[in-house]
Amino acid sequence: MATRKKEFIALMEIGGSHDECLFSQLYALSNAGKTVFLVCTQDLRDRNPHFEALVEAFIVVEFSKSKFKNNGVLRKVLKSLKEKQVSKLVLNTAQGGRIRNLCLMGLFSKLEFVGIIHTTRKFQGSFTQKLINWKIKKYLLLSEYLLSTVNPPNGVKVDYFYPIRYQGYTQTFPENEELEVTIIGGVENRRKDLDGFVKMISNLDQKVNFTFLGKSDANHADVKAFQTALENSNIKNRVNSFDHFVSQEDFDAHLKKTDVILPLVHPNTPSADQYFRNQISGAMSVAFGYKIPMLIHENYSFIEEMKSASVYYNPSNFKHRITEKEKFKKIRKELELNPRFDVEQQEQRYLNFIFDL
């Protein structure tokens, strides 16, 4: 019987973010028998030690303020991929000037580029993205709803998948009898309605612990203003945050004791400009992956894919919705049985798209 030829695939993340989307891809490709290379920064590699077992080799890049030198770095990446006989390059963040330059450099190479788009705005007239589209003819979105809203350019294929595999650990935090509410990410006005949050939790009668599960820079103006607002409302003891990068172990342990996830996206605030219109909050993928219900503003109840995972509120009834602990437990059980959020099915969906199966 003929030996099946080994296929070499590369993933690339050079933007310093969206690490959370990589593990599902690495696992799916490795599990499918592919040899996987990861092109990334040293920082990304260092903060994701669980990637090591799934990667054949890392191609570590270091950029500077010099565009000329950075273009040289990108040329070396393409040369390295050619030497390693890589047939497909998946760009974990397929947007921006460096990715444009990479696509133009590799325009006539046999290497197939596939992209992941994190905001549908890139399909709405971005000239840079139009140049990227010369090379990338296949894109994945991270939401079924967002897929329904895009009109891709001629000749470009678009689909979606949920990157919902997360590294599990044995470490746990002590359980608390009080309700545990987690806000994914750090304290940031642009992505979360912090003013609305302070007003809502100031009216709570019961004890609830809120945790911003991400780094909140104590010197940032948003964080300073938020801490002051909490103090002025006498609710600082209800809200926890981290002034350092949250390790994968701590991230996993905290989510294991979380009752509900609160994305904190509210209409008519900067958070609404970021999420649910052109991109999906990372909180959604975490909720689907960990099978944790979400508290979502009722303005977003029309988004079908979130309905089975959500309890809806408005600022006036938030204090009542957050007490529905039994409903949270019921949703969690339903999520665990829902095939839509089955990690293996989502990874197969990813593989089908990447390899045209």
Protein backbone atom coordinates (compact mmCIF):
# COMPACT_ATOMS: atom_id res chain seq x y z
CA MET A 1 0.00 0.00 0.00
CA ALA A 2 1.32 3.45 -0.95
CA THR A 3 2.53 5.68 1.84
CA ARG A 4 0.41 8.77 2.26
CA LYS A 5 2.39 11.94 1.57
CA LYS A 6 2.89 14.16 4.60
CA GLU A 7 1.28 17.59 4.29
CA PHE A 8 3.00 20.64 5.77
CA ILE A 9 0.81 23.51 6.99
CA ALA A 10 1.71 26.82 8.63
CA LEU A 11 -0.28 29.11 10.90
CA MET A 12 0.72 32.74 11.26
CA GLU A 13 -0.06 35.32 13.97
CA ILE A 14 2.20 38.36 13.93
CA GLY A 15 -0.22 40.96 15.27
CA GLY A 16 0.26 40.19 18.95
CA SER A 17 -3.33 39.18 19.62
CA HIS A 18 -6.02 36.57 18.91
CA ASP A 19 -3.98 33.80 20.57
CA GLU A 20 -7.32 32.31 21.66
CA CYS A 21 -8.12 31.30 18.08
CA LEU A 22 -4.93 29.29 17.54
CA PHE A 23 -5.30 26.30 19.85
CA SER A 24 -8.35 24.86 18.06
CA GLN A 25 -6.58 25.19 14.73
CA LEU A 26 -3.32 23.65 15.92
CA TYR A 27 -5.17 20.76 17.53
CA ALA A 28 -7.37 20.12 14.49
CA LEU A 29 -4.45 20.16 12.06
CA SER A 30 -2.21 18.04 14.27
CA ASN A 31 -5.03 15.57 14.95
CA ALA A 32 -5.60 15.30 11.19
CA GLY A 33 -2.00 14.16 10.75
CA LYS A 34 -0.62 17.42 9.34
CA THR A 35 2.84 18.72 10.17
CA VAL A 36 2.29 22.19 11.58
CA PHE A 37 4.61 25.20 11.73
CA LEU A 38 3.69 28.32 13.69
CA VAL A 39 4.92 31.74 12.56
CA CYS A 40 4.68 34.11 15.52
CA THR A 41 6.46 36.48 17.86
CA GLN A 42 8.52 35.25 20.81
CA ASP A 43 6.00 36.84 23.20
CA LEU A 44 3.14 34.79 21.74
CA ARG A 45 5.18 31.60 21.99
CA ASP A 46 6.20 32.33 25.59
CA ARG A 47 2.66 32.92 26.83
CA ASN A 48 1.30 29.78 25.16
CA PRO A 49 3.49 26.87 26.30
CA HIS A 50 0.63 24.46 25.56
CA PHE A 51 1.22 25.05 21.83
CA GLU A 52 4.61 23.34 21.95
CA ALA A 53 3.30 19.76 21.74
CA LEU A 54 1.25 20.53 18.62
CA VAL A 55 3.89 22.38 16.61
CA GLU A 56 6.67 20.79 14.56
CA ALA A 57 8.70 24.01 14.67
CA PHE A 58 8.26 27.69 15.42
CA ILE A 59 9.30 30.39 12.98
CA VAL A 60 9.83 33.29 15.36
CA VAL A 61 9.73 36.78 13.86
CA GLU A 62 10.84 40.07 15.33
CA PHE A 63 9.70 43.36 13.86
CA SER A 64 11.13 46.85 14.24
CA LYS A 65 10.07 50.39 13.34
CA SER A 66 11.80 50.05 9.98
CA LYS A 67 9.40 49.09 7.17
CA PHE A 68 12.38 48.09 5.02
CA LYS A 69 13.70 45.67 7.68
CA ASN A 70 10.19 44.32 8.34
CA ASN A 71 9.72 43.53 4.66
CA GLY A 72 12.99 41.61 4.87
CA VAL A 73 11.56 39.61 7.79
CA LEU A 74 8.48 38.74 5.73
CA ARG A 75 10.61 37.63 2.75
CA LYS A 76 12.58 35.32 5.06
CA VAL A 77 9.29 33.84 6.32
CA LEU A 78 8.17 33.05 2.77
CA LYS A 79 11.59 31.57 1.96
CA SER A 80 11.48 29.40 5.09
CA LEU A 81 7.99 28.14 4.27
CA LYS A 82 9.11 27.23 0.74
CA GLU A 83 12.13 25.34 2.11
CA LYS A 84 9.85 23.44 4.50
CA GLN A 85 7.53 22.56 1.58
CA VAL A 86 4.51 24.17 3.24
CA SER A 87 1.47 23.97 0.97
CA LYS A 88 -0.96 26.20 2.92
CA LEU A 89 -0.49 29.23 5.14
CA VAL A 90 -3.40 30.12 7.44
CA LEU A 91 -3.28 33.76 8.54
CA ASN A 92 -4.88 33.93 11.98
CA THR A 93 -5.39 37.69 11.54
CA ALA A 94 -5.67 38.32 7.81
CA GLN A 95 -5.62 42.11 7.82
CA GLY A 96 -3.27 45.05 8.14
CA GLY A 97 -0.26 46.48 6.36
CA ARG A 98 2.22 43.68 7.07
CA ILE A 99 -0.22 41.02 5.87
CA ARG A 100 -0.83 43.11 2.73
CA ASN A 101 2.92 43.22 2.08
CA LEU A 102 3.25 39.49 2.68
CA CYS A 103 0.41 38.75 0.26
CA LEU A 104 1.94 40.93 -2.44
CA MET A 105 5.34 39.28 -1.95
CA GLY A 106 3.78 35.85 -2.24
CA LEU A 107 1.30 36.73 -4.96
CA PHE A 108 2.79 34.44 -7.58
CA SER A 109 3.98 31.66 -5.29
CA LYS A 110 2.27 28.26 -5.25
CA LEU A 111 1.70 28.60 -1.49
CA GLU A 112 -2.05 28.90 -0.80
CA PHE A 113 -3.06 31.59 1.68
CA VAL A 114 -6.21 31.21 3.81
CA GLY A 115 -7.35 33.99 6.13
CA ILE A 116 -9.34 34.52 9.31
CA ILE A 117 -11.19 37.83 9.47
CA HIS A 118 -12.10 39.27 12.87
CA THR A 119 -14.20 42.20 11.67
CA THR A 120 -16.52 42.33 8.66
CA ARG A 121 -15.54 45.96 8.14
CA LYS A 122 -12.66 44.57 6.11
CA PHE A 123 -15.21 43.58 3.46
CA GLN A 124 -16.66 47.10 3.40
CA GLY A 125 -14.31 49.05 1.18
CA SER A 126 -10.88 48.64 2.78
CA PHE A 127 -8.29 49.28 0.06
CA THR A 128 -5.65 47.35 2.00
CA GLN A 129 -7.98 44.37 2.19
CA LYS A 130 -8.66 44.57 -1.55
CA LEU A 131 -4.93 44.12 -2.13
CA ILE A 132 -4.85 41.21 0.33
CA ASN A 133 -7.73 39.65 -1.62
CA TRP A 134 -5.46 39.36 -4.65
CA LYS A 135 -3.79 36.47 -2.81
CA ILE A 136 -6.37 35.25 -0.29
CA LYS A 137 -9.43 33.65 -1.87
CA LYS A 138 -10.75 31.86 1.22
CA TYR A 139 -11.70 33.44 4.56
CA LEU A 140 -13.17 32.16 7.79
CA LEU A 141 -15.27 34.29 10.13
CA LEU A 142 -15.81 33.43 13.80
CA SER A 143 -19.60 33.73 13.76
CA GLU A 144 -22.46 32.26 11.78
CA TYR A 145 -24.39 35.50 12.25
CA LEU A 146 -21.57 37.63 10.83
CA LEU A 147 -21.36 35.29 7.83
CA SER A 148 -24.99 36.12 7.06
CA THR A 149 -24.18 39.84 6.98
CA VAL A 150 -21.26 39.87 4.52
CA ASN A 151 -21.20 40.21 0.77
CA PRO A 152 -17.77 38.86 -0.14
CA PRO A 153 -15.91 40.05 -3.24
CA ASN A 154 -16.25 38.05 -6.44
CA GLY A 155 -14.11 34.94 -6.39
CA VAL A 156 -13.70 34.93 -2.60
CA LYS A 157 -15.13 32.05 -0.55
CA VAL A 158 -16.25 32.74 3.03
CA ASP A 159 -17.47 30.45 5.83
CA TYR A 160 -17.35 30.35 9.63
CA PHE A 161 -16.21 28.16 12.51
CA TYR A 162 -16.00 28.46 16.29
CA PRO A 163 -12.47 28.07 17.75
CA ILE A 164 -13.73 26.65 21.04
CA ARG A 165 -11.05 24.23 22.23
CA TYR A 166 -9.27 25.45 25.36
CA GLN A 167 -6.40 23.82 27.21
CA GLY A 168 -7.67 22.23 30.41
CA TYR A 169 -5.66 22.08 33.64
CA THR A 170 -6.07 20.38 37.01
CA GLN A 171 -5.60 23.63 38.95
CA THR A 172 -8.77 25.08 40.46
CA PHE A 173 -9.65 28.12 42.55
CA PRO A 174 -11.66 27.62 45.76
CA GLU A 175 -15.40 27.62 45.05
CA ASN A 176 -17.45 30.44 46.46
CA GLU A 177 -21.07 30.23 47.54
CA GLU A 178 -21.65 33.63 45.99
CA LEU A 179 -22.49 34.00 42.30
CA GLU A 180 -19.38 34.24 40.12
CA VAL A 181 -19.70 36.52 37.09
CA THR A 182 -16.79 36.78 34.65
CA ILE A 183 -16.08 39.54 32.14
CA ILE A 184 -13.61 38.22 29.56
CA GLY A 185 -10.68 40.59 29.07
CA GLY A 186 -9.38 43.56 30.99
CA VAL A 187 -10.94 46.87 31.98
CA GLU A 188 -11.35 48.86 28.75
CA ASN A 189 -14.00 51.41 27.80
CA ARG A 190 -13.73 50.79 24.08
CA ARG A 191 -14.83 47.17 24.38
CA LYS A 192 -17.00 47.25 27.51
CA ASP A 193 -19.63 49.64 28.85
CA LEU A 194 -17.90 50.38 32.15
CA ASP A 195 -20.20 53.26 33.10
CA GLY A 196 -23.27 51.11 32.56
CA PHE A 197 -21.67 48.31 34.54
CA VAL A 198 -21.06 50.51 37.59
CA LYS A 199 -24.67 51.74 37.53
CA MET A 200 -26.08 48.21 37.21
CA ILE A 201 -24.12 46.61 40.02
CA SER A 202 -24.65 49.59 42.35
CA ASN A 203 -28.29 48.50 42.56
CA LEU A 204 -27.65 44.86 43.47
CA ASP A 205 -29.05 43.56 46.73
CA GLN A 206 -27.34 40.18 46.75
CA LYS A 207 -23.63 39.40 46.94
CA VAL A 208 -22.05 38.76 43.55
CA ASN A 209 -18.37 38.53 42.63
CA PHE A 210 -17.38 40.15 39.32
CA THR A 211 -14.00 39.41 37.73
CA PHE A 212 -12.39 41.03 34.70
CA LEU A 213 -10.44 38.05 33.38
CA GLY A 214 -7.60 39.76 31.55
CA LYS A 215 -4.81 42.24 32.16
CA SER A 216 -5.94 45.70 33.34
CA ASP A 217 -3.05 48.18 33.26
CA ALA A 218 -3.25 50.11 36.53
CA ASN A 219 -1.73 53.16 34.83
CA HIS A 220 -4.28 53.30 32.02
CA ALA A 221 -6.78 56.17 32.19
CA ASP A 222 -9.76 53.80 31.74
CA VAL A 223 -8.65 51.66 34.67
CA LYS A 224 -8.00 54.63 36.95
CA ALA A 225 -11.41 56.16 36.17
CA PHE A 226 -13.11 52.79 36.68
CA GLN A 227 -11.49 52.22 40.07
CA THR A 228 -12.52 55.71 41.16
CA ALA A 229 -16.10 55.08 40.06
CA LEU A 230 -16.18 51.80 42.03
CA GLU A 231 -14.88 53.56 45.13
CA ASN A 232 -17.38 56.39 44.82
CA SER A 233 -20.21 53.86 44.59
CA ASN A 234 -18.84 51.76 47.49
CA ILE A 235 -18.72 48.61 45.36
CA LYS A 236 -14.97 48.15 44.89
CA ASN A 237 -15.03 44.99 47.02
CA ARG A 238 -17.36 43.33 44.49
CA VAL A 239 -15.04 43.68 41.49
CA ASN A 240 -11.76 41.84 40.89
CA SER A 241 -9.19 42.45 38.17
CA PHE A 242 -5.60 41.50 37.31
CA ASP A 243 -2.73 43.92 36.82
CA HIS A 244 -0.71 41.26 34.96
CA PHE A 245 -1.14 38.82 32.10
CA VAL A 246 -3.50 36.01 33.15
CA SER A 247 -1.86 32.63 32.60
CA GLN A 248 -3.70 29.88 30.78
CA GLU A 249 -3.84 27.91 34.03
CA ASP A 250 -5.47 30.76 35.96
CA PHE A 251 -7.79 31.54 33.06
CA ASP A 252 -8.99 27.94 32.97
CA ALA A 253 -9.31 27.63 36.75
CA HIS A 254 -11.37 30.78 37.07
CA LEU A 255 -13.76 29.78 34.30
CA LYS A 256 -14.33 26.42 35.99
CA LYS A 257 -15.95 28.25 38.91
CA THR A 258 -17.80 30.83 36.78
CA ASP A 259 -21.61 30.77 36.83
CA VAL A 260 -22.20 33.22 33.99
CA ILE A 261 -20.21 35.35 31.52
CA LEU A 262 -21.06 39.02 31.06
CA PRO A 263 -19.79 40.51 27.74
CA LEU A 264 -20.80 44.07 28.81
CA VAL A 265 -21.76 45.13 25.29
CA HIS A 266 -24.52 47.74 25.40
CA PRO A 267 -26.22 49.68 22.60
CA ASN A 268 -25.29 53.34 22.04
CA THR A 269 -21.90 52.93 23.71
CA PRO A 270 -18.38 52.44 22.25
CA SER A 271 -18.72 48.71 23.03
CA ALA A 272 -21.53 48.48 20.45
CA ASP A 273 -19.21 49.93 17.79
CA GLN A 274 -16.80 47.08 18.51
CA TYR A 275 -19.11 44.10 18.85
CA PHE A 276 -22.15 42.34 17.42
CA ARG A 277 -22.27 44.65 14.40
CA ASN A 278 -18.98 43.91 12.66
CA GLN A 279 -17.31 41.42 14.97
CA ILE A 280 -18.15 38.98 17.73
CA SER A 281 -16.94 39.35 21.31
CA GLY A 282 -14.36 36.79 22.40
CA ALA A 283 -16.68 36.15 25.34
CA MET A 284 -18.97 34.27 22.97
CA SER A 285 -16.30 31.75 21.95
CA VAL A 286 -15.30 31.25 25.60
CA ALA A 287 -18.94 30.67 26.57
CA PHE A 288 -19.41 28.14 23.76
CA GLY A 289 -16.12 26.40 24.56
CA TYR A 290 -16.56 26.17 28.34
CA LYS A 291 -20.36 25.70 28.11
CA ILE A 292 -21.01 28.72 30.35
CA PRO A 293 -24.19 30.80 29.89
CA MET A 294 -24.02 34.49 29.04
CA LEU A 295 -25.86 37.55 30.31
CA ILE A 296 -26.55 39.58 27.16
CA HIS A 297 -28.30 42.90 26.67
CA GLU A 298 -31.76 42.26 25.19
CA ASN A 299 -30.92 44.48 22.22
CA TYR A 300 -28.94 41.52 20.82
CA SER A 301 -31.61 38.85 21.28
CA PHE A 302 -32.07 38.69 17.48
CA ILE A 303 -28.69 36.94 17.02
CA GLU A 304 -29.76 33.33 16.61
CA GLU A 305 -26.48 31.58 17.48
CA MET A 306 -26.38 33.14 20.97
CA LYS A 307 -29.99 32.46 21.97
CA SER A 308 -29.46 28.99 23.41
CA ALA A 309 -26.56 30.27 25.52
CA SER A 310 -28.05 33.51 26.82
CA VAL A 311 -30.17 35.15 29.49
CA TYR A 312 -31.24 38.62 28.31
CA TYR A 313 -31.43 41.76 30.40
CA ASN A 314 -31.78 45.51 30.25
CA PRO A 315 -30.31 47.95 32.81
CA SER A 316 -33.56 48.13 34.77
CA ASN A 317 -34.05 44.36 35.21
CA PHE A 318 -30.39 43.32 35.48
CA LYS A 319 -30.62 42.90 39.27
CA HIS A 320 -33.36 40.30 38.77
CA ARG A 321 -31.84 38.47 35.81
CA ILE A 322 -28.55 37.96 37.61
CA THR A 323 -30.30 36.02 40.38
CA GLU A 324 -31.51 33.27 38.00
CA LYS A 325 -28.86 30.76 39.04
CA GLU A 326 -31.04 27.74 38.31
CA LYS A 327 -31.61 29.03 34.78
CA PHE A 328 -27.85 29.35 34.36
CA LYS A 329 -27.43 25.71 35.39
CA LYS A 330 -30.13 24.63 32.93
CA ILE A 331 -28.48 26.49 30.05
CA ARG A 332 -25.11 24.95 30.92
CA LYS A 333 -26.56 21.43 30.63
CA GLU A 334 -28.21 22.30 27.33
CA LEU A 335 -24.95 23.71 25.95
CA GLU A 336 -23.12 20.52 26.83
CA LEU A 337 -25.62 18.53 24.72
CA ASN A 338 -25.93 20.99 21.83
CA PRO A 339 -24.14 19.61 18.72
CA ARG A 340 -23.72 23.14 17.42
CA PHE A 341 -21.07 23.73 20.08
CA ASP A 342 -19.35 20.37 19.84
CA VAL A 343 -15.62 21.06 19.59
CA GLU A 344 -14.89 18.11 17.29
CA GLN A 345 -17.60 19.15 14.86
CA GLN A 346 -16.29 22.71 14.74
CA GLU A 347 -12.74 21.52 14.12
CA GLN A 348 -13.95 19.25 11.34
CA ARG A 349 -15.79 22.23 9.87
CA TYR A 350 -12.48 24.11 9.92
CA LEU A 351 -10.63 21.24 8.22
CA ASN A 352 -13.33 20.87 5.57
CA PHE A 353 -12.93 24.52 4.63
CA ILE A 354 -9.13 24.61 4.69
CA PHE A 355 -8.75 21.45 2.59
CA ASP A 356 -11.91 21.75 0.43
CA LEU A 357 -13.27 18.47 1.74
